[in-house]
Full PDB file with SEQRES, HELIX, SHEET, SSBOND, CRYST1, ORIGX, SCALE, CONECT and MASTER records, all heavy atoms in Angstrom:
SEQRES   1 A   34  THR GLU GLU ASP LYS VAL GLU ASP ASP VAL VAL PHE TYR          
SEQRES   2 A   34  LEU VAL PHE THR GLY SER THR VAL GLN HIS CYS THR SER          
SEQRES   3 A   34  THR ARG LYS ILE ASN PRO GLY SER                              
HELIX    1 AA1 GLU A    2  ASP A    4  5                                   3    
SHEET    1 AA1 2 TYR A  13  THR A  17  0                                        
SHEET    2 AA1 2 GLN A  22  SER A  26 -1                                        
CRYST1    1.000    1.000    1.000  90.00  90.00  90.00 P 1           1          
ORIGX1      1.000000  0.000000  0.000000        0.00000                         
ORIGX2      0.000000  1.000000  0.000000        0.00000                         
ORIGX3      0.000000  0.000000  1.000000        0.00000                         
SCALE1      1.000000  0.000000  0.000000        0.00000                         
SCALE2      0.000000  1.000000  0.000000        0.00000                         
SCALE3      0.000000  0.000000  1.000000        0.00000                         
ATOM      1  N   THR A   1      90.174  89.673 100.235  1.00  0.00           N  
ATOM      2  CA  THR A   1      89.191  88.825 100.952  1.00  0.00           C  
ATOM      3  C   THR A   1      89.312  87.419 100.454  1.00  0.00           C  
ATOM      4  O   THR A   1      89.970  87.157  99.455  1.00  0.00           O  
ATOM      5  CB  THR A   1      87.766  89.358 100.723  1.00  0.00           C  
ATOM      6  OG1 THR A   1      87.515  89.365  99.314  1.00  0.00           O  
ATOM      7  CG2 THR A   1      87.579  90.779 101.252  1.00  0.00           C  
ATOM      8  N   GLU A   2      88.664  86.477 101.144  1.00  0.00           N  
ATOM      9  CA  GLU A   2      88.735  85.081 100.764  1.00  0.00           C  
ATOM     10  C   GLU A   2      88.382  84.816  99.308  1.00  0.00           C  
ATOM     11  O   GLU A   2      89.007  84.104  98.581  1.00  0.00           O  
ATOM     12  CB  GLU A   2      87.849  84.281 101.691  1.00  0.00           C  
ATOM     13  CG  GLU A   2      88.423  84.043 103.106  1.00  0.00           C  
ATOM     14  CD  GLU A   2      89.735  83.263 103.089  1.00  0.00           C  
ATOM     15  OE1 GLU A   2      89.910  82.420 102.204  1.00  0.00           O  
ATOM     16  OE2 GLU A   2      90.601  83.594 103.922  1.00  0.00           O  
ATOM     17  N   GLU A   3      87.274  85.477  98.838  1.00  0.00           N  
ATOM     18  CA  GLU A   3      86.803  85.249  97.499  1.00  0.00           C  
ATOM     19  C   GLU A   3      87.708  85.844  96.429  1.00  0.00           C  
ATOM     20  O   GLU A   3      87.624  85.505  95.258  1.00  0.00           O  
ATOM     21  CB  GLU A   3      85.370  85.782  97.300  1.00  0.00           C  
ATOM     22  CG  GLU A   3      85.158  87.225  97.603  1.00  0.00           C  
ATOM     23  CD  GLU A   3      84.699  87.466  99.053  1.00  0.00           C  
ATOM     24  OE1 GLU A   3      85.016  86.635  99.907  1.00  0.00           O  
ATOM     25  OE2 GLU A   3      84.021  88.472  99.282  1.00  0.00           O  
ATOM     26  N   ASP A   4      88.612  86.779  96.828  1.00  0.00           N  
ATOM     27  CA  ASP A   4      89.495  87.413  95.870  1.00  0.00           C  
ATOM     28  C   ASP A   4      90.854  86.641  95.748  1.00  0.00           C  
ATOM     29  O   ASP A   4      91.650  86.929  94.873  1.00  0.00           O  
ATOM     30  CB  ASP A   4      89.833  88.865  96.277  1.00  0.00           C  
ATOM     31  CG  ASP A   4      88.598  89.717  96.199  1.00  0.00           C  
ATOM     32  OD1 ASP A   4      87.754  89.462  95.328  1.00  0.00           O  
ATOM     33  OD2 ASP A   4      88.509  90.705  96.991  1.00  0.00           O  
ATOM     34  N   LYS A   5      91.091  85.669  96.612  1.00  0.00           N  
ATOM     35  CA  LYS A   5      92.338  84.917  96.592  1.00  0.00           C  
ATOM     36  C   LYS A   5      92.215  83.908  95.442  1.00  0.00           C  
ATOM     37  O   LYS A   5      91.584  82.851  95.560  1.00  0.00           O  
ATOM     38  CB  LYS A   5      92.526  84.205  97.898  1.00  0.00           C  
ATOM     39  CG  LYS A   5      92.769  85.173  99.083  1.00  0.00           C  
ATOM     40  CD  LYS A   5      92.912  84.435 100.382  1.00  0.00           C  
ATOM     41  CE  LYS A   5      93.053  85.411 101.557  1.00  0.00           C  
ATOM     42  NZ  LYS A   5      93.097  84.723 102.840  1.00  0.00           N  
ATOM     43  N   VAL A   6      92.818  84.294  94.298  1.00  0.00           N  
ATOM     44  CA  VAL A   6      92.663  83.452  93.087  1.00  0.00           C  
ATOM     45  C   VAL A   6      93.971  82.834  92.617  1.00  0.00           C  
ATOM     46  O   VAL A   6      94.976  82.968  93.318  1.00  0.00           O  
ATOM     47  CB  VAL A   6      92.017  84.328  91.977  1.00  0.00           C  
ATOM     48  CG1 VAL A   6      90.568  84.633  92.230  1.00  0.00           C  
ATOM     49  CG2 VAL A   6      92.824  85.660  91.823  1.00  0.00           C  
ATOM     50  N   GLU A   7      93.928  82.246  91.471  1.00  0.00           N  
ATOM     51  CA  GLU A   7      95.068  81.501  90.965  1.00  0.00           C  
ATOM     52  C   GLU A   7      96.301  82.384  90.803  1.00  0.00           C  
ATOM     53  O   GLU A   7      96.239  83.605  90.669  1.00  0.00           O  
ATOM     54  CB  GLU A   7      94.700  80.878  89.618  1.00  0.00           C  
ATOM     55  CG  GLU A   7      93.685  79.714  89.694  1.00  0.00           C  
ATOM     56  CD  GLU A   7      92.251  80.260  89.765  1.00  0.00           C  
ATOM     57  OE1 GLU A   7      92.073  81.455  89.809  1.00  0.00           O  
ATOM     58  OE2 GLU A   7      91.309  79.418  89.795  1.00  0.00           O  
ATOM     59  N   ASP A   8      97.459  81.731  90.734  1.00  0.00           N  
ATOM     60  CA  ASP A   8      98.744  82.464  90.620  1.00  0.00           C  
ATOM     61  C   ASP A   8      98.916  83.243  89.343  1.00  0.00           C  
ATOM     62  O   ASP A   8      99.698  84.147  89.257  1.00  0.00           O  
ATOM     63  CB  ASP A   8      99.923  81.465  90.785  1.00  0.00           C  
ATOM     64  CG  ASP A   8     100.029  80.960  92.208  1.00  0.00           C  
ATOM     65  OD1 ASP A   8      99.523  81.638  93.112  1.00  0.00           O  
ATOM     66  OD2 ASP A   8     100.643  79.885  92.392  1.00  0.00           O  
ATOM     67  N   ASP A   9      98.151  82.843  88.291  1.00  0.00           N  
ATOM     68  CA  ASP A   9      98.381  83.520  86.998  1.00  0.00           C  
ATOM     69  C   ASP A   9      97.574  84.834  86.878  1.00  0.00           C  
ATOM     70  O   ASP A   9      97.586  85.476  85.874  1.00  0.00           O  
ATOM     71  CB  ASP A   9      98.008  82.576  85.821  1.00  0.00           C  
ATOM     72  CG  ASP A   9      96.578  82.107  85.862  1.00  0.00           C  
ATOM     73  OD1 ASP A   9      95.951  82.274  86.882  1.00  0.00           O  
ATOM     74  OD2 ASP A   9      96.115  81.597  84.820  1.00  0.00           O  
ATOM     75  N   VAL A  10      96.866  85.194  87.955  1.00  0.00           N  
ATOM     76  CA  VAL A  10      96.156  86.470  87.965  1.00  0.00           C  
ATOM     77  C   VAL A  10      97.069  87.586  88.446  1.00  0.00           C  
ATOM     78  O   VAL A  10      97.760  87.446  89.440  1.00  0.00           O  
ATOM     79  CB  VAL A  10      94.893  86.397  88.868  1.00  0.00           C  
ATOM     80  CG1 VAL A  10      94.248  87.780  88.988  1.00  0.00           C  
ATOM     81  CG2 VAL A  10      93.910  85.399  88.323  1.00  0.00           C  
ATOM     82  N   VAL A  11      97.063  88.683  87.700  1.00  0.00           N  
ATOM     83  CA  VAL A  11      97.944  89.845  88.024  1.00  0.00           C  
ATOM     84  C   VAL A  11      97.056  90.987  88.496  1.00  0.00           C  
ATOM     85  O   VAL A  11      96.058  91.315  87.857  1.00  0.00           O  
ATOM     86  CB  VAL A  11      98.785  90.281  86.833  1.00  0.00           C  
ATOM     87  CG1 VAL A  11      99.647  91.465  87.186  1.00  0.00           C  
ATOM     88  CG2 VAL A  11      99.651  89.133  86.324  1.00  0.00           C  
ATOM     89  N   PHE A  12      97.436  91.598  89.648  1.00  0.00           N  
ATOM     90  CA  PHE A  12      96.603  92.695  90.188  1.00  0.00           C  
ATOM     91  C   PHE A  12      97.292  94.036  89.948  1.00  0.00           C  
ATOM     92  O   PHE A  12      98.548  94.154  89.977  1.00  0.00           O  
ATOM     93  CB  PHE A  12      96.477  92.499  91.679  1.00  0.00           C  
ATOM     94  CG  PHE A  12      95.503  91.391  92.097  1.00  0.00           C  
ATOM     95  CD1 PHE A  12      95.989  90.143  92.423  1.00  0.00           C  
ATOM     96  CD2 PHE A  12      94.134  91.612  92.126  1.00  0.00           C  
ATOM     97  CE1 PHE A  12      95.153  89.090  92.745  1.00  0.00           C  
ATOM     98  CE2 PHE A  12      93.277  90.602  92.483  1.00  0.00           C  
ATOM     99  CZ  PHE A  12      93.775  89.344  92.775  1.00  0.00           C  
ATOM    100  N   TYR A  13      96.476  95.035  89.686  1.00  0.00           N  
ATOM    101  CA  TYR A  13      96.915  96.413  89.458  1.00  0.00           C  
ATOM    102  C   TYR A  13      96.092  97.325  90.345  1.00  0.00           C  
ATOM    103  O   TYR A  13      94.936  97.043  90.622  1.00  0.00           O  
ATOM    104  CB  TYR A  13      96.814  96.849  88.028  1.00  0.00           C  
ATOM    105  CG  TYR A  13      97.585  96.035  87.042  1.00  0.00           C  
ATOM    106  CD1 TYR A  13      97.063  94.904  86.459  1.00  0.00           C  
ATOM    107  CD2 TYR A  13      98.895  96.416  86.705  1.00  0.00           C  
ATOM    108  CE1 TYR A  13      97.774  94.141  85.570  1.00  0.00           C  
ATOM    109  CE2 TYR A  13      99.651  95.679  85.795  1.00  0.00           C  
ATOM    110  CZ  TYR A  13      99.081  94.538  85.215  1.00  0.00           C  
ATOM    111  OH  TYR A  13      99.797  93.799  84.342  1.00  0.00           O  
ATOM    112  N   LEU A  14      96.653  98.498  90.730  1.00  0.00           N  
ATOM    113  CA  LEU A  14      95.900  99.554  91.364  1.00  0.00           C  
ATOM    114  C   LEU A  14      95.846 100.742  90.379  1.00  0.00           C  
ATOM    115  O   LEU A  14      96.870 101.159  89.848  1.00  0.00           O  
ATOM    116  CB  LEU A  14      96.517 100.019  92.669  1.00  0.00           C  
ATOM    117  CG  LEU A  14      96.318  99.160  93.893  1.00  0.00           C  
ATOM    118  CD1 LEU A  14      96.957  99.747  95.129  1.00  0.00           C  
ATOM    119  CD2 LEU A  14      94.835  98.871  94.178  1.00  0.00           C  
ATOM    120  N   VAL A  15      94.642 101.275  90.148  1.00  0.00           N  
ATOM    121  CA  VAL A  15      94.486 102.418  89.279  1.00  0.00           C  
ATOM    122  C   VAL A  15      93.970 103.594  90.097  1.00  0.00           C  
ATOM    123  O   VAL A  15      92.876 103.520  90.708  1.00  0.00           O  
ATOM    124  CB  VAL A  15      93.484 102.112  88.098  1.00  0.00           C  
ATOM    125  CG1 VAL A  15      93.346 103.329  87.249  1.00  0.00           C  
ATOM    126  CG2 VAL A  15      94.011 100.928  87.280  1.00  0.00           C  
ATOM    127  N   PHE A  16      94.776 104.692  90.152  1.00  0.00           N  
ATOM    128  CA  PHE A  16      94.415 105.882  90.911  1.00  0.00           C  
ATOM    129  C   PHE A  16      93.945 106.950  89.867  1.00  0.00           C  
ATOM    130  O   PHE A  16      94.667 107.328  88.978  1.00  0.00           O  
ATOM    131  CB  PHE A  16      95.608 106.453  91.631  1.00  0.00           C  
ATOM    132  CG  PHE A  16      96.252 105.553  92.637  1.00  0.00           C  
ATOM    133  CD1 PHE A  16      97.041 104.446  92.229  1.00  0.00           C  
ATOM    134  CD2 PHE A  16      96.066 105.753  93.980  1.00  0.00           C  
ATOM    135  CE1 PHE A  16      97.617 103.607  93.158  1.00  0.00           C  
ATOM    136  CE2 PHE A  16      96.656 104.917  94.935  1.00  0.00           C  
ATOM    137  CZ  PHE A  16      97.441 103.829  94.517  1.00  0.00           C  
ATOM    138  N   THR A  17      92.697 107.401  90.028  1.00  0.00           N  
ATOM    139  CA  THR A  17      92.142 108.394  89.084  1.00  0.00           C  
ATOM    140  C   THR A  17      91.904 109.737  89.781  1.00  0.00           C  
ATOM    141  O   THR A  17      91.018 109.845  90.624  1.00  0.00           O  
ATOM    142  CB  THR A  17      90.793 107.904  88.468  1.00  0.00           C  
ATOM    143  OG1 THR A  17      91.054 106.627  87.863  1.00  0.00           O  
ATOM    144  CG2 THR A  17      90.313 108.858  87.431  1.00  0.00           C  
ATOM    145  N   GLY A  18      92.772 110.719  89.442  1.00  0.00           N  
ATOM    146  CA  GLY A  18      92.626 112.029  90.017  1.00  0.00           C  
ATOM    147  C   GLY A  18      91.960 113.008  89.034  1.00  0.00           C  
ATOM    148  O   GLY A  18      91.470 112.570  87.950  1.00  0.00           O  
ATOM    149  N   SER A  19      91.929 114.287  89.352  1.00  0.00           N  
ATOM    150  CA  SER A  19      91.257 115.253  88.507  1.00  0.00           C  
ATOM    151  C   SER A  19      91.979 115.498  87.200  1.00  0.00           C  
ATOM    152  O   SER A  19      91.352 115.770  86.188  1.00  0.00           O  
ATOM    153  CB  SER A  19      91.037 116.561  89.298  1.00  0.00           C  
ATOM    154  OG  SER A  19      92.293 117.025  89.789  1.00  0.00           O  
ATOM    155  N   THR A  20      93.286 115.425  87.211  1.00  0.00           N  
ATOM    156  CA  THR A  20      94.103 115.724  86.026  1.00  0.00           C  
ATOM    157  C   THR A  20      95.078 114.637  85.688  1.00  0.00           C  
ATOM    158  O   THR A  20      95.656 114.650  84.603  1.00  0.00           O  
ATOM    159  CB  THR A  20      94.855 117.091  86.136  1.00  0.00           C  
ATOM    160  OG1 THR A  20      95.756 116.979  87.248  1.00  0.00           O  
ATOM    161  CG2 THR A  20      93.908 118.247  86.375  1.00  0.00           C  
ATOM    162  N   VAL A  21      95.316 113.744  86.623  1.00  0.00           N  
ATOM    163  CA  VAL A  21      96.370 112.686  86.423  1.00  0.00           C  
ATOM    164  C   VAL A  21      95.826 111.357  86.798  1.00  0.00           C  
ATOM    165  O   VAL A  21      95.072 111.226  87.780  1.00  0.00           O  
ATOM    166  CB  VAL A  21      97.643 113.042  87.210  1.00  0.00           C  
ATOM    167  CG1 VAL A  21      98.646 111.864  87.126  1.00  0.00           C  
ATOM    168  CG2 VAL A  21      98.302 114.320  86.751  1.00  0.00           C  
ATOM    169  N   GLN A  22      96.236 110.298  86.045  1.00  0.00           N  
ATOM    170  CA  GLN A  22      95.868 108.893  86.400  1.00  0.00           C  
ATOM    171  C   GLN A  22      97.131 108.087  86.529  1.00  0.00           C  
ATOM    172  O   GLN A  22      98.078 108.266  85.723  1.00  0.00           O  
ATOM    173  CB  GLN A  22      94.936 108.321  85.315  1.00  0.00           C  
ATOM    174  CG  GLN A  22      94.299 107.017  85.704  1.00  0.00           C  
ATOM    175  CD  GLN A  22      93.272 106.577  84.673  1.00  0.00           C  
ATOM    176  OE1 GLN A  22      93.524 106.647  83.489  1.00  0.00           O  
ATOM    177  NE2 GLN A  22      92.131 106.083  85.144  1.00  0.00           N  
ATOM    178  N   HIS A  23      97.166 107.207  87.520  1.00  0.00           N  
ATOM    179  CA  HIS A  23      98.323 106.348  87.776  1.00  0.00           C  
ATOM    180  C   HIS A  23      97.862 104.869  87.746  1.00  0.00           C  
ATOM    181  O   HIS A  23      96.780 104.553  88.256  1.00  0.00           O  
ATOM    182  CB  HIS A  23      98.966 106.582  89.139  1.00  0.00           C  
ATOM    183  CG  HIS A  23      99.138 108.037  89.489  1.00  0.00           C  
ATOM    184  ND1 HIS A  23     100.271 108.733  89.072  1.00  0.00           N  
ATOM    185  CD2 HIS A  23      98.393 108.900  90.195  1.00  0.00           C  
ATOM    186  CE1 HIS A  23     100.155 109.987  89.550  1.00  0.00           C  
ATOM    187  NE2 HIS A  23      99.054 110.078  90.227  1.00  0.00           N  
ATOM    188  N   CYS A  24      98.682 104.019  87.185  1.00  0.00           N  
ATOM    189  CA  CYS A  24      98.431 102.613  87.217  1.00  0.00           C  
ATOM    190  C   CYS A  24      99.679 101.940  87.771  1.00  0.00           C  
ATOM    191  O   CYS A  24     100.768 102.090  87.175  1.00  0.00           O  
ATOM    192  CB  CYS A  24      98.105 102.078  85.837  1.00  0.00           C  
ATOM    193  SG  CYS A  24      97.820 100.259  85.824  1.00  0.00           S  
ATOM    194  N   THR A  25      99.586 101.183  88.892  1.00  0.00           N  
ATOM    195  CA  THR A  25     100.741 100.536  89.493  1.00  0.00           C  
ATOM    196  C   THR A  25     100.584  99.021  89.491  1.00  0.00           C  
ATOM    197  O   THR A  25      99.476  98.498  89.706  1.00  0.00           O  
ATOM    198  CB  THR A  25     100.949 101.005  90.939  1.00  0.00           C  
ATOM    199  OG1 THR A  25      99.902 100.440  91.769  1.00  0.00           O  
ATOM    200  CG2 THR A  25     100.919 102.506  91.021  1.00  0.00           C  
ATOM    201  N   SER A  26     101.655  98.317  89.188  1.00  0.00           N  
ATOM    202  CA  SER A  26     101.675  96.887  89.337  1.00  0.00           C  
ATOM    203  C   SER A  26     101.789  96.583  90.834  1.00  0.00           C  
ATOM    204  O   SER A  26     102.073  97.459  91.604  1.00  0.00           O  
ATOM    205  CB  SER A  26     102.811  96.271  88.537  1.00  0.00           C  
ATOM    206  OG  SER A  26     104.073  96.673  89.044  1.00  0.00           O  
ATOM    207  N   THR A  27     101.586  95.321  91.180  1.00  0.00           N  
ATOM    208  CA  THR A  27     101.711  94.960  92.609  1.00  0.00           C  
ATOM    209  C   THR A  27     102.590  93.707  92.736  1.00  0.00           C  
ATOM    210  O   THR A  27     102.835  93.009  91.764  1.00  0.00           O  
ATOM    211  CB  THR A  27     100.301  94.598  93.215  1.00  0.00           C  
ATOM    212  OG1 THR A  27      99.787  93.451  92.511  1.00  0.00           O  
ATOM    213  CG2 THR A  27      99.339  95.753  93.076  1.00  0.00           C  
ATOM    214  N   ARG A  28     103.012  93.481  93.948  1.00  0.00           N  
ATOM    215  CA  ARG A  28     103.799  92.311  94.261  1.00  0.00           C  
ATOM    216  C   ARG A  28     103.030  91.465  95.272  1.00  0.00           C  
ATOM    217  O   ARG A  28     102.534  92.025  96.279  1.00  0.00           O  
ATOM    218  CB  ARG A  28     105.157  92.713  94.843  1.00  0.00           C  
ATOM    219  CG  ARG A  28     106.077  91.543  95.187  1.00  0.00           C  
ATOM    220  CD  ARG A  28     107.382  92.077  95.756  1.00  0.00           C  
ATOM    221  NE  ARG A  28     107.238  92.482  97.157  1.00  0.00           N  
ATOM    222  CZ  ARG A  28     108.242  92.606  97.999  1.00  0.00           C  
ATOM    223  NH1 ARG A  28     109.481  92.389  97.600  1.00  0.00           N  
ATOM    224  NH2 ARG A  28     108.067  92.981  99.249  1.00  0.00           N  
ATOM    225  N   LYS A  29     102.927  90.192  95.062  1.00  0.00           N  
ATOM    226  CA  LYS A  29     102.209  89.283  96.007  1.00  0.00           C  
ATOM    227  C   LYS A  29     103.150  88.928  97.156  1.00  0.00           C  
ATOM    228  O   LYS A  29     104.209  88.387  96.936  1.00  0.00           O  
ATOM    229  CB  LYS A  29     101.743  88.019  95.303  1.00  0.00           C  
ATOM    230  CG  LYS A  29     100.594  88.254  94.345  1.00  0.00           C  
ATOM    231  CD  LYS A  29     100.151  86.948  93.682  1.00  0.00           C  
ATOM    232  CE  LYS A  29      99.057  87.185  92.662  1.00  0.00           C  
ATOM    233  NZ  LYS A  29      98.695  85.937  91.873  1.00  0.00           N  
ATOM    234  N   ILE A  30     102.722  89.276  98.365  1.00  0.00           N  
ATOM    235  CA  ILE A  30     103.481  88.943  99.581  1.00  0.00           C  
ATOM    236  C   ILE A  30     103.101  87.501  99.966  1.00  0.00           C  
ATOM    237  O   ILE A  30     103.970  86.698 100.302  1.00  0.00           O  
ATOM    238  CB  ILE A  30     103.167  89.898 100.717  1.00  0.00           C  
ATOM    239  CG1 ILE A  30     103.313  91.344 100.290  1.00  0.00           C  
ATOM    240  CG2 ILE A  30     104.027  89.596 101.984  1.00  0.00           C  
ATOM    241  CD1 ILE A  30     102.866  92.349 101.323  1.00  0.00           C  
ATOM    242  N   ASN A  31     101.821  87.215  99.922  1.00  0.00           N  
ATOM    243  CA  ASN A  31     101.293  85.883 100.260  1.00  0.00           C  
ATOM    244  C   ASN A  31      99.927  85.787  99.536  1.00  0.00           C  
ATOM    245  O   ASN A  31      99.500  86.762  98.889  1.00  0.00           O  
ATOM    246  CB  ASN A  31     101.173  85.665 101.772  1.00  0.00           C  
ATOM    247  CG  ASN A  31     100.337  86.770 102.460  1.00  0.00           C  
ATOM    248  OD1 ASN A  31      99.220  87.085 102.075  1.00  0.00           O  
ATOM    249  ND2 ASN A  31     100.954  87.424 103.462  1.00  0.00           N  
ATOM    250  N   PRO A  32      99.227  84.663  99.605  1.00  0.00           N  
ATOM    251  CA  PRO A  32      97.974  84.539  98.876  1.00  0.00           C  
ATOM    252  C   PRO A  32      96.898  85.591  99.212  1.00  0.00           C  
ATOM    253  O   PRO A  32      96.027  85.863  98.381  1.00  0.00           O  
ATOM    254  CB  PRO A  32      97.450  83.149  99.296  1.00  0.00           C  
ATOM    255  CG  PRO A  32      98.715  82.379  99.623  1.00  0.00           C  
ATOM    256  CD  PRO A  32      99.623  83.394 100.266  1.00  0.00           C  
ATOM    257  N   GLY A  33      97.026  86.218 100.380  1.00  0.00           N  
ATOM    258  CA  GLY A  33      95.984  87.183 100.751  1.00  0.00           C  
ATOM    259  C   GLY A  33      96.439  88.618 100.810  1.00  0.00           C  
ATOM    260  O   GLY A  33      95.702  89.535 101.181  1.00  0.00           O  
ATOM    261  N   SER A  34      97.729  88.926 100.430  1.00  0.00           N  
ATOM    262  CA  SER A  34      98.243  90.283 100.539  1.00  0.00           C  
ATOM    263  C   SER A  34      99.041  90.685  99.303  1.00  0.00           C  
ATOM    264  O   SER A  34      99.816  89.919  98.775  1.00  0.00           O  
ATOM    265  CB  SER A  34      99.124  90.445 101.778  1.00  0.00           C  
ATOM    266  OG  SER A  34      98.420  90.075 102.950  1.00  0.00           O  
TER     267      SER A  34                                                      
MASTER        0    0    0    1    2    0    0    6  266    1    0    3          
END                                                                             
């Protein structure tokens, strides 16, 4: 969203939490909003 579009030095991760396994993935910026 507009308020989440922050400076270039911010790194985003996705954390998936399941019943027995947890995953953490890095992300790649396609553009400022994706």
